[in-house]
């Protein structure tokens, strides 16, 4: 069963959506629906490139807890 959904998006994006829709001969609503179906069906979470580069950067490094970091900060800045 289809349900109506109202979206508020930037007018430039809306213009692009109309042009793109005509170019691929598919209604804007179907483009959105396909996009969200793809998100729903993703089996694994894909990290953005920036996150992938940082992933595991602290592996094997003993990172102090919040209280220890706070103590170190105050120790450094009190001198």
PDB file of N, CA and C in Angstrom:
ATOM      1  N   UNK A   1       0.845  -1.176   0.000  1.00  0.00           N
ATOM      2  CA  UNK A   1       0.000   0.000   0.000  1.00  0.00           C
ATOM      3  C   UNK A   1       0.893   1.243   0.000  1.00  0.00           C
ATOM      4  N   UNK A   2       0.666   2.141  -0.901  1.00  0.00           N
ATOM      5  CA  UNK A   2       1.430   3.378  -0.967  1.00  0.00           C
ATOM      6  C   UNK A   2       0.846   4.416  -0.029  1.00  0.00           C
ATOM      7  N   UNK A   3       1.742   5.255   0.501  1.00  0.00           N
ATOM      8  CA  UNK A   3       1.341   6.321   1.397  1.00  0.00           C
ATOM      9  C   UNK A   3       2.012   7.607   0.947  1.00  0.00           C
ATOM     10  N   UNK A   4       1.306   8.715   1.042  1.00  0.00           N
ATOM     11  CA  UNK A   4       1.844   9.998   0.611  1.00  0.00           C
ATOM     12  C   UNK A   4       2.810  10.523   1.680  1.00  0.00           C
ATOM     13  N   UNK A   5       3.914  11.093   1.225  1.00  0.00           N
ATOM     14  CA  UNK A   5       4.926  11.663   2.104  1.00  0.00           C
ATOM     15  C   UNK A   5       5.306  13.027   1.553  1.00  0.00           C
ATOM     16  N   UNK A   6       5.300  14.033   2.404  1.00  0.00           N
ATOM     17  CA  UNK A   6       5.675  15.382   1.988  1.00  0.00           C
ATOM     18  C   UNK A   6       7.085  15.666   2.475  1.00  0.00           C
ATOM     19  N   UNK A   7       7.949  16.124   1.574  1.00  0.00           N
ATOM     20  CA  UNK A   7       9.337  16.442   1.912  1.00  0.00           C
ATOM     21  C   UNK A   7       9.589  17.922   1.709  1.00  0.00           C
ATOM     22  N   UNK A   8      10.410  18.487   2.552  1.00  0.00           N
ATOM     23  CA  UNK A   8      10.874  19.857   2.366  1.00  0.00           C
ATOM     24  C   UNK A   8      12.369  19.793   2.096  1.00  0.00           C
ATOM     25  N   UNK A   9      12.763  20.171   0.888  1.00  0.00           N
ATOM     26  CA  UNK A   9      14.173  20.132   0.517  1.00  0.00           C
ATOM     27  C   UNK A   9      14.551  21.431  -0.168  1.00  0.00           C
ATOM     28  N   UNK A  10      15.835  21.670  -0.253  1.00  0.00           N
ATOM     29  CA  UNK A  10      16.376  22.857  -0.903  1.00  0.00           C
ATOM     30  C   UNK A  10      15.836  22.953  -2.329  1.00  0.00           C
ATOM     31  N   UNK A  11      15.477  24.164  -2.755  1.00  0.00           N
ATOM     32  CA  UNK A  11      14.874  24.329  -4.082  1.00  0.00           C
ATOM     33  C   UNK A  11      15.828  23.908  -5.199  1.00  0.00           C
ATOM     34  N   UNK A  12      17.133  24.095  -5.010  1.00  0.00           N
ATOM     35  CA  UNK A  12      18.102  23.666  -6.009  1.00  0.00           C
ATOM     36  C   UNK A  12      18.127  22.150  -6.141  1.00  0.00           C
ATOM     37  N   UNK A  13      17.990  21.471  -5.016  1.00  0.00           N
ATOM     38  CA  UNK A  13      17.944  20.008  -5.030  1.00  0.00           C
ATOM     39  C   UNK A  13      16.649  19.538  -5.683  1.00  0.00           C
ATOM     40  N   UNK A  14      15.559  20.230  -5.396  1.00  0.00           N
ATOM     41  CA  UNK A  14      14.275  19.877  -6.005  1.00  0.00           C
ATOM     42  C   UNK A  14      14.350  20.028  -7.523  1.00  0.00           C
ATOM     43  N   UNK A  15      14.961  21.123  -7.990  1.00  0.00           N
ATOM     44  CA  UNK A  15      15.127  21.323  -9.431  1.00  0.00           C
ATOM     45  C   UNK A  15      15.960  20.199 -10.046  1.00  0.00           C
ATOM     46  N   UNK A  16      17.058  19.865  -9.365  1.00  0.00           N
ATOM     47  CA  UNK A  16      17.903  18.772  -9.841  1.00  0.00           C
ATOM     48  C   UNK A  16      17.121  17.457  -9.877  1.00  0.00           C
ATOM     49  N   UNK A  17      16.315  17.208  -8.848  1.00  0.00           N
ATOM     50  CA  UNK A  17      15.526  15.972  -8.779  1.00  0.00           C
ATOM     51  C   UNK A  17      14.584  15.864  -9.972  1.00  0.00           C
ATOM     52  N   UNK A  18      13.968  16.976 -10.344  1.00  0.00           N
ATOM     53  CA  UNK A  18      13.062  16.963 -11.498  1.00  0.00           C
ATOM     54  C   UNK A  18      13.815  16.667 -12.797  1.00  0.00           C
ATOM     55  N   UNK A  19      14.963  17.307 -12.980  1.00  0.00           N
ATOM     56  CA  UNK A  19      15.763  17.080 -14.185  1.00  0.00           C
ATOM     57  C   UNK A  19      16.255  15.631 -14.223  1.00  0.00           C
ATOM     58  N   UNK A  20      16.776  15.155 -13.092  1.00  0.00           N
ATOM     59  CA  UNK A  20      17.289  13.788 -13.010  1.00  0.00           C
ATOM     60  C   UNK A  20      16.173  12.778 -13.260  1.00  0.00           C
ATOM     61  N   UNK A  21      15.011  13.052 -12.688  1.00  0.00           N
ATOM     62  CA  UNK A  21      13.852  12.180 -12.849  1.00  0.00           C
ATOM     63  C   UNK A  21      13.489  12.030 -14.329  1.00  0.00           C
ATOM     64  N   UNK A  22      13.462  13.142 -15.032  1.00  0.00           N
ATOM     65  CA  UNK A  22      13.150  13.097 -16.458  1.00  0.00           C
ATOM     66  C   UNK A  22      14.241  12.360 -17.240  1.00  0.00           C
ATOM     67  N   UNK A  23      15.487  12.597 -16.845  1.00  0.00           N
ATOM     68  CA  UNK A  23      16.628  11.996 -17.544  1.00  0.00           C
ATOM     69  C   UNK A  23      16.597  10.464 -17.460  1.00  0.00           C
ATOM     70  N   UNK A  24      16.255   9.923 -16.285  1.00  0.00           N
ATOM     71  CA  UNK A  24      16.249   8.461 -16.141  1.00  0.00           C
ATOM     72  C   UNK A  24      14.844   7.876 -16.299  1.00  0.00           C
ATOM     73  N   UNK A  25      13.876   8.760 -16.591  1.00  0.00           N
ATOM     74  CA  UNK A  25      12.495   8.331 -16.828  1.00  0.00           C
ATOM     75  C   UNK A  25      11.920   7.533 -15.646  1.00  0.00           C
ATOM     76  N   UNK A  26      12.099   8.108 -14.458  1.00  0.00           N
ATOM     77  CA  UNK A  26      11.594   7.467 -13.255  1.00  0.00           C
ATOM     78  C   UNK A  26      11.040   8.556 -12.337  1.00  0.00           C
ATOM     79  N   UNK A  27       9.860   8.369 -11.759  1.00  0.00           N
ATOM     80  CA  UNK A  27       9.296   9.386 -10.864  1.00  0.00           C
ATOM     81  C   UNK A  27      10.189   9.626  -9.644  1.00  0.00           C
ATOM     82  N   UNK A  28      10.190  10.855  -9.173  1.00  0.00           N
ATOM     83  CA  UNK A  28      10.989  11.215  -8.007  1.00  0.00           C
ATOM     84  C   UNK A  28      10.635  10.327  -6.817  1.00  0.00           C
ATOM     85  N   UNK A  29       9.364  10.051  -6.632  1.00  0.00           N
ATOM     86  CA  UNK A  29       8.951   9.205  -5.505  1.00  0.00           C
ATOM     87  C   UNK A  29       9.582   7.818  -5.600  1.00  0.00           C
ATOM     88  N   UNK A  30       9.718   7.284  -6.812  1.00  0.00           N
ATOM     89  CA  UNK A  30      10.330   5.961  -6.998  1.00  0.00           C
ATOM     90  C   UNK A  30      11.831   6.019  -6.729  1.00  0.00           C
ATOM     91  N   UNK A  31      12.470   7.132  -7.084  1.00  0.00           N
ATOM     92  CA  UNK A  31      13.901   7.304  -6.810  1.00  0.00           C
ATOM     93  C   UNK A  31      14.135   7.279  -5.297  1.00  0.00           C
ATOM     94  N   UNK A  32      13.318   8.037  -4.558  1.00  0.00           N
ATOM     95  CA  UNK A  32      13.431   8.049  -3.097  1.00  0.00           C
ATOM     96  C   UNK A  32      13.147   6.665  -2.514  1.00  0.00           C
ATOM     97  N   UNK A  33      12.096   6.037  -3.005  1.00  0.00           N
ATOM     98  CA  UNK A  33      11.725   4.715  -2.499  1.00  0.00           C
ATOM     99  C   UNK A  33      12.867   3.714  -2.718  1.00  0.00           C
ATOM    100  N   UNK A  34      13.437   3.702  -3.911  1.00  0.00           N
ATOM    101  CA  UNK A  34      14.542   2.792  -4.208  1.00  0.00           C
ATOM    102  C   UNK A  34      15.741   3.063  -3.307  1.00  0.00           C
ATOM    103  N   UNK A  35      16.010   4.339  -3.068  1.00  0.00           N
ATOM    104  CA  UNK A  35      17.133   4.713  -2.202  1.00  0.00           C
ATOM    105  C   UNK A  35      16.925   4.160  -0.789  1.00  0.00           C
ATOM    106  N   UNK A  36      15.729   4.353  -0.238  1.00  0.00           N
ATOM    107  CA  UNK A  36      15.469   3.891   1.125  1.00  0.00           C
ATOM    108  C   UNK A  36      15.378   2.375   1.207  1.00  0.00           C
ATOM    109  N   UNK A  37      14.916   1.723   0.162  1.00  0.00           N
ATOM    110  CA  UNK A  37      14.932   0.258   0.134  1.00  0.00           C
ATOM    111  C   UNK A  37      16.379  -0.230   0.195  1.00  0.00           C
ATOM    112  N   UNK A  38      17.244   0.429  -0.551  1.00  0.00           N
ATOM    113  CA  UNK A  38      18.664   0.078  -0.522  1.00  0.00           C
ATOM    114  C   UNK A  38      19.267   0.238   0.859  1.00  0.00           C
ATOM    115  N   UNK A  39      18.921   1.321   1.539  1.00  0.00           N
ATOM    116  CA  UNK A  39      19.417   1.529   2.907  1.00  0.00           C
ATOM    117  C   UNK A  39      18.902   0.448   3.845  1.00  0.00           C
ATOM    118  N   UNK A  40      17.636   0.122   3.710  1.00  0.00           N
ATOM    119  CA  UNK A  40      17.001  -0.873   4.581  1.00  0.00           C
ATOM    120  C   UNK A  40      17.618  -2.258   4.383  1.00  0.00           C
ATOM    121  N   UNK A  41      17.990  -2.569   3.157  1.00  0.00           N
ATOM    122  CA  UNK A  41      18.480  -3.905   2.834  1.00  0.00           C
ATOM    123  C   UNK A  41      19.990  -4.068   2.990  1.00  0.00           C
ATOM    124  N   UNK A  42      20.674  -2.981   3.348  1.00  0.00           N
ATOM    125  CA  UNK A  42      22.122  -3.094   3.525  1.00  0.00           C
ATOM    126  C   UNK A  42      22.429  -4.109   4.611  1.00  0.00           C
ATOM    127  N   UNK A  43      23.284  -5.043   4.295  1.00  0.00           N
ATOM    128  CA  UNK A  43      23.656  -6.083   5.256  1.00  0.00           C
ATOM    129  C   UNK A  43      24.753  -5.608   6.198  1.00  0.00           C
ATOM    130  N   UNK A  44      25.636  -4.773   5.700  1.00  0.00           N
ATOM    131  CA  UNK A  44      26.727  -4.275   6.529  1.00  0.00           C
ATOM    132  C   UNK A  44      26.695  -2.755   6.534  1.00  0.00           C
ATOM    133  N   UNK A  45      27.200  -2.199   7.591  1.00  0.00           N
ATOM    134  CA  UNK A  45      27.282  -0.751   7.688  1.00  0.00           C
ATOM    135  C   UNK A  45      28.542  -0.291   6.968  1.00  0.00           C
ATOM    136  N   UNK A  46      28.384   0.596   6.028  1.00  0.00           N
ATOM    137  CA  UNK A  46      29.514   1.134   5.294  1.00  0.00           C
ATOM    138  C   UNK A  46      29.930   2.444   5.926  1.00  0.00           C
ATOM    139  N   UNK A  47      31.181   2.507   6.341  1.00  0.00           N
ATOM    140  CA  UNK A  47      31.690   3.726   6.946  1.00  0.00           C
ATOM    141  C   UNK A  47      32.116   4.708   5.858  1.00  0.00           C
ATOM    142  N   UNK A  48      31.887   5.999   6.099  1.00  0.00           N
ATOM    143  CA  UNK A  48      32.408   7.000   5.161  1.00  0.00           C
ATOM    144  C   UNK A  48      33.937   6.901   5.088  1.00  0.00           C
ATOM    145  N   UNK A  49      34.516   7.321   3.982  1.00  0.00           N
ATOM    146  CA  UNK A  49      35.957   7.209   3.738  1.00  0.00           C
ATOM    147  C   UNK A  49      36.780   7.809   4.875  1.00  0.00           C
ATOM    148  N   UNK A  50      36.379   8.993   5.371  1.00  0.00           N
ATOM    149  CA  UNK A  50      37.132   9.639   6.452  1.00  0.00           C
ATOM    150  C   UNK A  50      37.173   8.758   7.693  1.00  0.00           C
ATOM    151  N   UNK A  51      36.054   8.105   8.014  1.00  0.00           N
ATOM    152  CA  UNK A  51      36.007   7.234   9.179  1.00  0.00           C
ATOM    153  C   UNK A  51      36.849   5.985   8.962  1.00  0.00           C
ATOM    154  N   UNK A  52      36.818   5.448   7.740  1.00  0.00           N
ATOM    155  CA  UNK A  52      37.608   4.250   7.451  1.00  0.00           C
ATOM    156  C   UNK A  52      39.087   4.520   7.686  1.00  0.00           C
ATOM    157  N   UNK A  53      39.543   5.711   7.318  1.00  0.00           N
ATOM    158  CA  UNK A  53      40.949   6.060   7.498  1.00  0.00           C
ATOM    159  C   UNK A  53      41.320   6.140   8.968  1.00  0.00           C
ATOM    160  N   UNK A  54      40.364   6.527   9.814  1.00  0.00           N
ATOM    161  CA  UNK A  54      40.635   6.654  11.245  1.00  0.00           C
ATOM    162  C   UNK A  54      40.371   5.368  12.019  1.00  0.00           C
ATOM    163  N   UNK A  55      39.626   4.445  11.419  1.00  0.00           N
ATOM    164  CA  UNK A  55      39.229   3.229  12.108  1.00  0.00           C
ATOM    165  C   UNK A  55      40.457   2.454  12.586  1.00  0.00           C
ATOM    166  N   UNK A  56      40.498   2.145  13.873  1.00  0.00           N
ATOM    167  CA  UNK A  56      41.580   1.367  14.457  1.00  0.00           C
ATOM    168  C   UNK A  56      42.824   2.162  14.776  1.00  0.00           C
ATOM    169  N   UNK A  57      42.769   3.485  14.646  1.00  0.00           N
ATOM    170  CA  UNK A  57      43.957   4.311  14.849  1.00  0.00           C
ATOM    171  C   UNK A  57      44.506   4.195  16.277  1.00  0.00           C
ATOM    172  N   UNK A  58      43.622   3.949  17.259  1.00  0.00           N
ATOM    173  CA  UNK A  58      44.052   3.832  18.653  1.00  0.00           C
ATOM    174  C   UNK A  58      44.236   2.381  19.095  1.00  0.00           C
ATOM    175  N   UNK A  59      44.140   1.457  18.170  1.00  0.00           N
ATOM    176  CA  UNK A  59      44.281   0.053  18.508  1.00  0.00           C
ATOM    177  C   UNK A  59      45.673  -0.217  19.072  1.00  0.00           C
ATOM    178  N   UNK A  60      45.715  -0.862  20.222  1.00  0.00           N
ATOM    179  CA  UNK A  60      46.985  -1.185  20.862  1.00  0.00           C
ATOM    180  C   UNK A  60      47.578  -0.040  21.664  1.00  0.00           C
ATOM    181  N   UNK A  61      46.897   1.087  21.709  1.00  0.00           N
ATOM    182  CA  UNK A  61      47.363   2.245  22.477  1.00  0.00           C
ATOM    183  C   UNK A  61      46.488   2.374  23.714  1.00  0.00           C
ATOM    184  N   UNK A  62      47.120   2.552  24.869  1.00  0.00           N
ATOM    185  CA  UNK A  62      46.380   2.710  26.110  1.00  0.00           C
ATOM    186  C   UNK A  62      45.876   4.156  26.202  1.00  0.00           C
ATOM    187  N   UNK A  63      44.600   4.356  25.950  1.00  0.00           N
ATOM    188  CA  UNK A  63      43.994   5.689  25.999  1.00  0.00           C
ATOM    189  C   UNK A  63      43.477   5.916  27.416  1.00  0.00           C
ATOM    190  N   UNK A  64      43.938   6.985  28.075  1.00  0.00           N
ATOM    191  CA  UNK A  64      43.489   7.251  29.450  1.00  0.00           C
ATOM    192  C   UNK A  64      41.988   7.528  29.504  1.00  0.00           C
ATOM    193  N   UNK A  65      41.378   7.215  30.646  1.00  0.00           N
ATOM    194  CA  UNK A  65      39.958   7.510  30.803  1.00  0.00           C
ATOM    195  C   UNK A  65      39.751   8.998  31.048  1.00  0.00           C
ATOM    196  N   UNK A  66      38.501   9.417  31.116  1.00  0.00           N
ATOM    197  CA  UNK A  66      38.149  10.833  31.212  1.00  0.00           C
ATOM    198  C   UNK A  66      38.761  11.500  32.452  1.00  0.00           C
ATOM    199  N   UNK A  67      38.696  10.819  33.594  1.00  0.00           N
ATOM    200  CA  UNK A  67      39.233  11.415  34.833  1.00  0.00           C
ATOM    201  C   UNK A  67      40.738  11.627  34.721  1.00  0.00           C
ATOM    202  N   UNK A  68      41.437  10.659  34.146  1.00  0.00           N
ATOM    203  CA  UNK A  68      42.883  10.774  33.982  1.00  0.00           C
ATOM    204  C   UNK A  68      43.229  11.893  33.005  1.00  0.00           C
ATOM    205  N   UNK A  69      42.484  12.006  31.910  1.00  0.00           N
ATOM    206  CA  UNK A  69      42.721  13.092  30.950  1.00  0.00           C
ATOM    207  C   UNK A  69      42.491  14.461  31.595  1.00  0.00           C
ATOM    208  N   UNK A  70      41.442  14.562  32.404  1.00  0.00           N
ATOM    209  CA  UNK A  70      41.146  15.820  33.089  1.00  0.00           C
ATOM    210  C   UNK A  70      42.276  16.190  34.055  1.00  0.00           C
ATOM    211  N   UNK A  71      42.766  15.185  34.807  1.00  0.00           N
ATOM    212  CA  UNK A  71      43.864  15.423  35.746  1.00  0.00           C
ATOM    213  C   UNK A  71      45.111  15.889  34.982  1.00  0.00           C
ATOM    214  N   UNK A  72      45.430  15.229  33.872  1.00  0.00           N
ATOM    215  CA  UNK A  72      46.583  15.604  33.086  1.00  0.00           C
ATOM    216  C   UNK A  72      46.443  17.016  32.527  1.00  0.00           C
ATOM    217  N   UNK A  73      45.239  17.379  32.078  1.00  0.00           N
ATOM    218  CA  UNK A  73      44.983  18.713  31.532  1.00  0.00           C
ATOM    219  C   UNK A  73      45.225  19.782  32.599  1.00  0.00           C
ATOM    220  N   UNK A  74      44.649  19.566  33.783  1.00  0.00           N
ATOM    221  CA  UNK A  74      44.788  20.565  34.859  1.00  0.00           C
ATOM    222  C   UNK A  74      46.237  20.643  35.355  1.00  0.00           C
ATOM    223  N   UNK A  75      46.904  19.514  35.378  1.00  0.00           N
ATOM    224  CA  UNK A  75      48.319  19.490  35.785  1.00  0.00           C
ATOM    225  C   UNK A  75      49.149  20.305  34.813  1.00  0.00           C
ATOM    226  N   UNK A  76      48.911  20.114  33.508  1.00  0.00           N
ATOM    227  CA  UNK A  76      49.680  20.812  32.482  1.00  0.00           C
ATOM    228  C   UNK A  76      49.406  22.311  32.498  1.00  0.00           C
ATOM    229  N   UNK A  77      48.132  22.701  32.705  1.00  0.00           N
ATOM    230  CA  UNK A  77      47.745  24.112  32.623  1.00  0.00           C
ATOM    231  C   UNK A  77      47.872  24.870  33.934  1.00  0.00           C
ATOM    232  N   UNK A  78      48.220  24.208  35.021  1.00  0.00           N
ATOM    233  CA  UNK A  78      48.352  24.906  36.305  1.00  0.00           C
ATOM    234  C   UNK A  78      49.759  25.445  36.488  1.00  0.00           C
ATOM    235  N   UNK A  79      50.690  25.036  35.637  1.00  0.00           N
ATOM    236  CA  UNK A  79      52.088  25.501  35.774  1.00  0.00           C
ATOM    237  C   UNK A  79      52.321  26.779  35.045  1.00  0.00           C
TER     238      UNK A  79
END
